[in-house]
């Protein structure tokens, strides 16, 4: 074999190995990033769920107060 063929095959092998290494590194980086994003999304979902429960309780309390005021008004109107 000529030395040019050996150099060409060696360069091709190095390029393939470099590409494989870069692909594995990139995939690991993307996987790590996606896991971090998934963790944050889960925490946000939990916080929003808790806020939703609190808001539902507040709205329920407001409607209860509204109903109580309506009942008091009706009693006052009936006493006229």
PDB file of N, CA and C in Angstrom:
ATOM      1  N   UNK A   1       0.837  -1.181   0.000  1.00  0.00           N
ATOM      2  CA  UNK A   1       0.000   0.000   0.000  1.00  0.00           C
ATOM      3  C   UNK A   1       0.883   1.246   0.000  1.00  0.00           C
ATOM      4  N   UNK A   2       0.392   2.230  -0.673  1.00  0.00           N
ATOM      5  CA  UNK A   2       1.116   3.496  -0.692  1.00  0.00           C
ATOM      6  C   UNK A   2       0.874   4.243   0.611  1.00  0.00           C
ATOM      7  N   UNK A   3       1.792   5.117   0.940  1.00  0.00           N
ATOM      8  CA  UNK A   3       1.652   5.879   2.181  1.00  0.00           C
ATOM      9  C   UNK A   3       0.483   6.851   2.110  1.00  0.00           C
ATOM     10  N   UNK A   4       0.086   7.317   0.911  1.00  0.00           N
ATOM     11  CA  UNK A   4      -1.051   8.217   0.781  1.00  0.00           C
ATOM     12  C   UNK A   4      -2.354   7.510   1.147  1.00  0.00           C
ATOM     13  N   UNK A   5      -2.438   6.233   0.782  1.00  0.00           N
ATOM     14  CA  UNK A   5      -3.635   5.447   1.105  1.00  0.00           C
ATOM     15  C   UNK A   5      -3.718   5.251   2.618  1.00  0.00           C
ATOM     16  N   UNK A   6      -2.592   4.956   3.244  1.00  0.00           N
ATOM     17  CA  UNK A   6      -2.553   4.771   4.690  1.00  0.00           C
ATOM     18  C   UNK A   6      -2.952   6.071   5.392  1.00  0.00           C
ATOM     19  N   UNK A   7      -2.465   7.191   4.938  1.00  0.00           N
ATOM     20  CA  UNK A   7      -2.807   8.490   5.526  1.00  0.00           C
ATOM     21  C   UNK A   7      -4.297   8.780   5.329  1.00  0.00           C
ATOM     22  N   UNK A   8      -4.814   8.491   4.140  1.00  0.00           N
ATOM     23  CA  UNK A   8      -6.227   8.741   3.858  1.00  0.00           C
ATOM     24  C   UNK A   8      -7.119   7.870   4.738  1.00  0.00           C
ATOM     25  N   UNK A   9      -6.772   6.604   4.876  1.00  0.00           N
ATOM     26  CA  UNK A   9      -7.576   5.693   5.714  1.00  0.00           C
ATOM     27  C   UNK A   9      -7.472   6.113   7.179  1.00  0.00           C
ATOM     28  N   UNK A  10      -6.288   6.528   7.614  1.00  0.00           N
ATOM     29  CA  UNK A  10      -6.114   6.982   9.001  1.00  0.00           C
ATOM     30  C   UNK A  10      -6.927   8.252   9.261  1.00  0.00           C
ATOM     31  N   UNK A  11      -6.894   9.166   8.308  1.00  0.00           N
ATOM     32  CA  UNK A  11      -7.663  10.400   8.461  1.00  0.00           C
ATOM     33  C   UNK A  11      -9.157  10.102   8.493  1.00  0.00           C
ATOM     34  N   UNK A  12      -9.599   9.192   7.637  1.00  0.00           N
ATOM     35  CA  UNK A  12     -11.007   8.802   7.635  1.00  0.00           C
ATOM     36  C   UNK A  12     -11.403   8.159   8.966  1.00  0.00           C
ATOM     37  N   UNK A  13     -10.551   7.296   9.503  1.00  0.00           N
ATOM     38  CA  UNK A  13     -10.830   6.658  10.791  1.00  0.00           C
ATOM     39  C   UNK A  13     -10.889   7.696  11.906  1.00  0.00           C
ATOM     40  N   UNK A  14      -9.964   8.651  11.895  1.00  0.00           N
ATOM     41  CA  UNK A  14      -9.977   9.707  12.905  1.00  0.00           C
ATOM     42  C   UNK A  14     -11.233  10.567  12.787  1.00  0.00           C
ATOM     43  N   UNK A  15     -11.658  10.861  11.569  1.00  0.00           N
ATOM     44  CA  UNK A  15     -12.859  11.659  11.368  1.00  0.00           C
ATOM     45  C   UNK A  15     -14.094  10.916  11.883  1.00  0.00           C
ATOM     46  N   UNK A  16     -14.158   9.622  11.612  1.00  0.00           N
ATOM     47  CA  UNK A  16     -15.301   8.820  12.082  1.00  0.00           C
ATOM     48  C   UNK A  16     -15.303   8.750  13.612  1.00  0.00           C
ATOM     49  N   UNK A  17     -14.147   8.511  14.218  1.00  0.00           N
ATOM     50  CA  UNK A  17     -14.072   8.459  15.677  1.00  0.00           C
ATOM     51  C   UNK A  17     -14.403   9.823  16.298  1.00  0.00           C
ATOM     52  N   UNK A  18     -13.916  10.904  15.694  1.00  0.00           N
ATOM     53  CA  UNK A  18     -14.236  12.236  16.188  1.00  0.00           C
ATOM     54  C   UNK A  18     -15.721  12.524  16.090  1.00  0.00           C
ATOM     55  N   UNK A  19     -16.312  12.135  14.994  1.00  0.00           N
ATOM     56  CA  UNK A  19     -17.747  12.341  14.818  1.00  0.00           C
ATOM     57  C   UNK A  19     -18.545  11.524  15.842  1.00  0.00           C
ATOM     58  N   UNK A  20     -18.134  10.281  16.061  1.00  0.00           N
ATOM     59  CA  UNK A  20     -18.819   9.431  17.049  1.00  0.00           C
ATOM     60  C   UNK A  20     -18.704  10.049  18.443  1.00  0.00           C
ATOM     61  N   UNK A  21     -17.526  10.518  18.802  1.00  0.00           N
ATOM     62  CA  UNK A  21     -17.326  11.147  20.103  1.00  0.00           C
ATOM     63  C   UNK A  21     -18.201  12.394  20.245  1.00  0.00           C
ATOM     64  N   UNK A  22     -18.216  13.239  19.214  1.00  0.00           N
ATOM     65  CA  UNK A  22     -19.020  14.463  19.260  1.00  0.00           C
ATOM     66  C   UNK A  22     -20.506  14.137  19.365  1.00  0.00           C
ATOM     67  N   UNK A  23     -20.947  13.107  18.677  1.00  0.00           N
ATOM     68  CA  UNK A  23     -22.356  12.708  18.720  1.00  0.00           C
ATOM     69  C   UNK A  23     -22.741  12.231  20.119  1.00  0.00           C
ATOM     70  N   UNK A  24     -21.915  11.408  20.715  1.00  0.00           N
ATOM     71  CA  UNK A  24     -22.192  10.904  22.070  1.00  0.00           C
ATOM     72  C   UNK A  24     -22.167  12.056  23.075  1.00  0.00           C
ATOM     73  N   UNK A  25     -21.204  12.963  22.964  1.00  0.00           N
ATOM     74  CA  UNK A  25     -21.112  14.116  23.866  1.00  0.00           C
ATOM     75  C   UNK A  25     -22.343  14.996  23.726  1.00  0.00           C
ATOM     76  N   UNK A  26     -22.755  15.282  22.486  1.00  0.00           N
ATOM     77  CA  UNK A  26     -23.925  16.131  22.242  1.00  0.00           C
ATOM     78  C   UNK A  26     -25.190  15.477  22.800  1.00  0.00           C
ATOM     79  N   UNK A  27     -25.335  14.153  22.578  1.00  0.00           N
ATOM     80  CA  UNK A  27     -26.519  13.450  23.079  1.00  0.00           C
ATOM     81  C   UNK A  27     -26.563  13.488  24.607  1.00  0.00           C
ATOM     82  N   UNK A  28     -25.427  13.336  25.247  1.00  0.00           N
ATOM     83  CA  UNK A  28     -25.383  13.394  26.714  1.00  0.00           C
ATOM     84  C   UNK A  28     -25.743  14.794  27.197  1.00  0.00           C
ATOM     85  N   UNK A  29     -25.245  15.807  26.515  1.00  0.00           N
ATOM     86  CA  UNK A  29     -25.540  17.190  26.897  1.00  0.00           C
ATOM     87  C   UNK A  29     -27.030  17.484  26.739  1.00  0.00           C
ATOM     88  N   UNK A  30     -27.615  17.070  25.639  1.00  0.00           N
ATOM     89  CA  UNK A  30     -29.049  17.288  25.403  1.00  0.00           C
ATOM     90  C   UNK A  30     -29.884  16.535  26.426  1.00  0.00           C
ATOM     91  N   UNK A  31     -29.514  15.299  26.713  1.00  0.00           N
ATOM     92  CA  UNK A  31     -30.242  14.502  27.701  1.00  0.00           C
ATOM     93  C   UNK A  31     -30.196  15.167  29.071  1.00  0.00           C
ATOM     94  N   UNK A  32     -29.039  15.648  29.470  1.00  0.00           N
ATOM     95  CA  UNK A  32     -28.892  16.326  30.756  1.00  0.00           C
ATOM     96  C   UNK A  32     -29.758  17.586  30.799  1.00  0.00           C
ATOM     97  N   UNK A  33     -29.731  18.355  29.718  1.00  0.00           N
ATOM     98  CA  UNK A  33     -30.538  19.581  29.656  1.00  0.00           C
ATOM     99  C   UNK A  33     -32.026  19.258  29.737  1.00  0.00           C
ATOM    100  N   UNK A  34     -32.452  18.246  29.015  1.00  0.00           N
ATOM    101  CA  UNK A  34     -33.868  17.873  29.025  1.00  0.00           C
ATOM    102  C   UNK A  34     -34.311  17.366  30.395  1.00  0.00           C
ATOM    103  N   UNK A  35     -33.436  16.654  31.089  1.00  0.00           N
ATOM    104  CA  UNK A  35     -33.780  16.206  32.439  1.00  0.00           C
ATOM    105  C   UNK A  35     -33.951  17.397  33.375  1.00  0.00           C
ATOM    106  N   UNK A  36     -33.089  18.396  33.249  1.00  0.00           N
ATOM    107  CA  UNK A  36     -33.217  19.605  34.066  1.00  0.00           C
ATOM    108  C   UNK A  36     -34.512  20.338  33.761  1.00  0.00           C
ATOM    109  N   UNK A  37     -34.846  20.450  32.489  1.00  0.00           N
ATOM    110  CA  UNK A  37     -36.087  21.114  32.095  1.00  0.00           C
ATOM    111  C   UNK A  37     -37.291  20.345  32.623  1.00  0.00           C
ATOM    112  N   UNK A  38     -37.246  19.023  32.522  1.00  0.00           N
ATOM    113  CA  UNK A  38     -38.353  18.201  33.015  1.00  0.00           C
ATOM    114  C   UNK A  38     -38.524  18.365  34.527  1.00  0.00           C
ATOM    115  N   UNK A  39     -37.434  18.441  35.259  1.00  0.00           N
ATOM    116  CA  UNK A  39     -37.501  18.637  36.709  1.00  0.00           C
ATOM    117  C   UNK A  39     -38.140  19.983  37.035  1.00  0.00           C
ATOM    118  N   UNK A  40     -37.708  21.036  36.348  1.00  0.00           N
ATOM    119  CA  UNK A  40     -38.265  22.370  36.576  1.00  0.00           C
ATOM    120  C   UNK A  40     -39.754  22.407  36.228  1.00  0.00           C
ATOM    121  N   UNK A  41     -40.136  21.780  35.121  1.00  0.00           N
ATOM    122  CA  UNK A  41     -41.545  21.753  34.712  1.00  0.00           C
ATOM    123  C   UNK A  41     -42.392  21.035  35.775  1.00  0.00           C
ATOM    124  N   UNK A  42     -41.851  19.973  36.340  1.00  0.00           N
ATOM    125  CA  UNK A  42     -42.560  19.242  37.381  1.00  0.00           C
ATOM    126  C   UNK A  42     -42.766  20.114  38.617  1.00  0.00           C
ATOM    127  N   UNK A  43     -41.724  20.871  39.002  1.00  0.00           N
ATOM    128  CA  UNK A  43     -41.843  21.759  40.160  1.00  0.00           C
ATOM    129  C   UNK A  43     -42.850  22.875  39.891  1.00  0.00           C
ATOM    130  N   UNK A  44     -42.822  23.428  38.690  1.00  0.00           N
ATOM    131  CA  UNK A  44     -43.775  24.486  38.332  1.00  0.00           C
ATOM    132  C   UNK A  44     -45.195  23.948  38.351  1.00  0.00           C
ATOM    133  N   UNK A  45     -45.367  22.728  37.841  1.00  0.00           N
ATOM    134  CA  UNK A  45     -46.696  22.108  37.823  1.00  0.00           C
ATOM    135  C   UNK A  45     -47.217  21.924  39.245  1.00  0.00           C
ATOM    136  N   UNK A  46     -46.354  21.495  40.142  1.00  0.00           N
ATOM    137  CA  UNK A  46     -46.749  21.312  41.538  1.00  0.00           C
ATOM    138  C   UNK A  46     -47.144  22.649  42.169  1.00  0.00           C
ATOM    139  N   UNK A  47     -46.347  23.688  41.907  1.00  0.00           N
ATOM    140  CA  UNK A  47     -46.657  25.011  42.460  1.00  0.00           C
ATOM    141  C   UNK A  47     -47.980  25.539  41.916  1.00  0.00           C
ATOM    142  N   UNK A  48     -48.194  25.378  40.624  1.00  0.00           N
ATOM    143  CA  UNK A  48     -49.444  25.848  40.027  1.00  0.00           C
ATOM    144  C   UNK A  48     -50.649  25.087  40.577  1.00  0.00           C
ATOM    145  N   UNK A  49     -50.452  23.801  40.820  1.00  0.00           N
ATOM    146  CA  UNK A  49     -51.539  22.999  41.382  1.00  0.00           C
ATOM    147  C   UNK A  49     -51.895  23.501  42.782  1.00  0.00           C
ATOM    148  N   UNK A  50     -50.869  23.787  43.590  1.00  0.00           N
ATOM    149  CA  UNK A  50     -51.106  24.306  44.941  1.00  0.00           C
ATOM    150  C   UNK A  50     -51.778  25.673  44.889  1.00  0.00           C
ATOM    151  N   UNK A  51     -51.318  26.529  43.971  1.00  0.00           N
ATOM    152  CA  UNK A  51     -51.931  27.853  43.818  1.00  0.00           C
ATOM    153  C   UNK A  51     -53.377  27.726  43.371  1.00  0.00           C
ATOM    154  N   UNK A  52     -53.640  26.775  42.490  1.00  0.00           N
ATOM    155  CA  UNK A  52     -55.005  26.554  42.015  1.00  0.00           C
ATOM    156  C   UNK A  52     -55.931  26.151  43.138  1.00  0.00           C
ATOM    157  N   UNK A  53     -55.444  25.294  44.033  1.00  0.00           N
ATOM    158  CA  UNK A  53     -56.250  24.860  45.181  1.00  0.00           C
ATOM    159  C   UNK A  53     -56.530  26.055  46.091  1.00  0.00           C
ATOM    160  N   UNK A  54     -55.500  26.879  46.342  1.00  0.00           N
ATOM    161  CA  UNK A  54     -55.688  28.063  47.192  1.00  0.00           C
ATOM    162  C   UNK A  54     -56.679  29.030  46.560  1.00  0.00           C
ATOM    163  N   UNK A  55     -56.577  29.241  45.275  1.00  0.00           N
ATOM    164  CA  UNK A  55     -57.493  30.160  44.598  1.00  0.00           C
ATOM    165  C   UNK A  55     -58.920  29.623  44.627  1.00  0.00           C
ATOM    166  N   UNK A  56     -59.073  28.307  44.459  1.00  0.00           N
ATOM    167  CA  UNK A  56     -60.410  27.710  44.538  1.00  0.00           C
ATOM    168  C   UNK A  56     -61.021  27.933  45.921  1.00  0.00           C
ATOM    169  N   UNK A  57     -60.202  27.781  46.957  1.00  0.00           N
ATOM    170  CA  UNK A  57     -60.693  27.996  48.312  1.00  0.00           C
ATOM    171  C   UNK A  57     -61.071  29.463  48.521  1.00  0.00           C
ATOM    172  N   UNK A  58     -60.273  30.377  47.983  1.00  0.00           N
ATOM    173  CA  UNK A  58     -60.572  31.799  48.120  1.00  0.00           C
ATOM    174  C   UNK A  58     -61.877  32.147  47.385  1.00  0.00           C
ATOM    175  N   UNK A  59     -62.042  31.617  46.189  1.00  0.00           N
ATOM    176  CA  UNK A  59     -63.265  31.885  45.422  1.00  0.00           C
ATOM    177  C   UNK A  59     -64.479  31.315  46.146  1.00  0.00           C
ATOM    178  N   UNK A  60     -64.325  30.124  46.693  1.00  0.00           N
ATOM    179  CA  UNK A  60     -65.424  29.516  47.444  1.00  0.00           C
ATOM    180  C   UNK A  60     -65.789  30.375  48.661  1.00  0.00           C
ATOM    181  N   UNK A  61     -64.788  30.898  49.352  1.00  0.00           N
ATOM    182  CA  UNK A  61     -65.049  31.759  50.513  1.00  0.00           C
ATOM    183  C   UNK A  61     -65.743  33.055  50.084  1.00  0.00           C
ATOM    184  N   UNK A  62     -65.339  33.608  48.944  1.00  0.00           N
ATOM    185  CA  UNK A  62     -65.997  34.821  48.451  1.00  0.00           C
ATOM    186  C   UNK A  62     -67.466  34.563  48.105  1.00  0.00           C
ATOM    187  N   UNK A  63     -67.755  33.435  47.473  1.00  0.00           N
ATOM    188  CA  UNK A  63     -69.147  33.112  47.145  1.00  0.00           C
ATOM    189  C   UNK A  63     -69.968  32.885  48.416  1.00  0.00           C
ATOM    190  N   UNK A  64     -69.344  32.255  49.413  1.00  0.00           N
ATOM    191  CA  UNK A  64     -70.046  32.031  50.679  1.00  0.00           C
ATOM    192  C   UNK A  64     -70.387  33.373  51.325  1.00  0.00           C
ATOM    193  N   UNK A  65     -69.414  34.303  51.310  1.00  0.00           N
ATOM    194  CA  UNK A  65     -69.654  35.633  51.874  1.00  0.00           C
ATOM    195  C   UNK A  65     -70.745  36.363  51.090  1.00  0.00           C
ATOM    196  N   UNK A  66     -70.723  36.224  49.776  1.00  0.00           N
ATOM    197  CA  UNK A  66     -71.746  36.834  48.937  1.00  0.00           C
ATOM    198  C   UNK A  66     -73.137  36.276  49.276  1.00  0.00           C
ATOM    199  N   UNK A  67     -73.218  34.971  49.446  1.00  0.00           N
ATOM    200  CA  UNK A  67     -74.501  34.352  49.795  1.00  0.00           C
ATOM    201  C   UNK A  67     -74.987  34.825  51.162  1.00  0.00           C
ATOM    202  N   UNK A  68     -74.048  34.950  52.120  1.00  0.00           N
ATOM    203  CA  UNK A  68     -74.435  35.416  53.451  1.00  0.00           C
ATOM    204  C   UNK A  68     -74.952  36.856  53.392  1.00  0.00           C
ATOM    205  N   UNK A  69     -74.290  37.693  52.609  1.00  0.00           N
ATOM    206  CA  UNK A  69     -74.745  39.079  52.476  1.00  0.00           C
ATOM    207  C   UNK A  69     -76.117  39.134  51.796  1.00  0.00           C
ATOM    208  N   UNK A  70     -76.320  38.281  50.804  1.00  0.00           N
ATOM    209  CA  UNK A  70     -77.608  38.241  50.118  1.00  0.00           C
ATOM    210  C   UNK A  70     -78.707  37.834  51.087  1.00  0.00           C
ATOM    211  N   UNK A  71     -78.413  36.853  51.916  1.00  0.00           N
ATOM    212  CA  UNK A  71     -79.406  36.407  52.897  1.00  0.00           C
ATOM    213  C   UNK A  71     -79.732  37.522  53.896  1.00  0.00           C
ATOM    214  N   UNK A  72     -78.708  38.267  54.346  1.00  0.00           N
ATOM    215  CA  UNK A  72     -78.941  39.378  55.276  1.00  0.00           C
ATOM    216  C   UNK A  72     -79.786  40.467  54.630  1.00  0.00           C
ATOM    217  N   UNK A  73     -79.518  40.745  53.356  1.00  0.00           N
ATOM    218  CA  UNK A  73     -80.308  41.770  52.644  1.00  0.00           C
ATOM    219  C   UNK A  73     -81.766  41.317  52.535  1.00  0.00           C
ATOM    220  N   UNK A  74     -81.972  40.045  52.213  1.00  0.00           N
ATOM    221  CA  UNK A  74     -83.330  39.530  52.083  1.00  0.00           C
ATOM    222  C   UNK A  74     -84.081  39.620  53.431  1.00  0.00           C
ATOM    223  N   UNK A  75     -83.361  39.330  54.511  1.00  0.00           N
ATOM    224  CA  UNK A  75     -83.993  39.427  55.849  1.00  0.00           C
ATOM    225  C   UNK A  75     -84.367  40.877  56.142  1.00  0.00           C
ATOM    226  N   UNK A  76     -83.459  41.800  55.841  1.00  0.00           N
ATOM    227  CA  UNK A  76     -83.747  43.227  56.079  1.00  0.00           C
ATOM    228  C   UNK A  76     -84.898  43.717  55.230  1.00  0.00           C
ATOM    229  N   UNK A  77     -84.979  43.261  53.983  1.00  0.00           N
ATOM    230  CA  UNK A  77     -86.082  43.677  53.117  1.00  0.00           C
ATOM    231  C   UNK A  77     -87.412  43.116  53.597  1.00  0.00           C
ATOM    232  N   UNK A  78     -87.400  41.936  54.172  1.00  0.00           N
ATOM    233  CA  UNK A  78     -88.618  41.315  54.668  1.00  0.00           C
ATOM    234  C   UNK A  78     -89.125  41.992  55.948  1.00  0.00           C
ATOM    235  N   UNK A  79     -88.266  42.676  56.676  1.00  0.00           N
ATOM    236  CA  UNK A  79     -88.671  43.351  57.904  1.00  0.00           C
ATOM    237  C   UNK A  79     -89.283  44.725  57.646  1.00  0.00           C
ATOM    238  N   UNK A  80     -89.294  45.183  56.440  1.00  0.00           N
ATOM    239  CA  UNK A  80     -89.880  46.505  56.122  1.00  0.00           C
ATOM    240  C   UNK A  80     -91.333  46.469  56.256  1.00  0.00           C
TER     241      UNK A  80
END
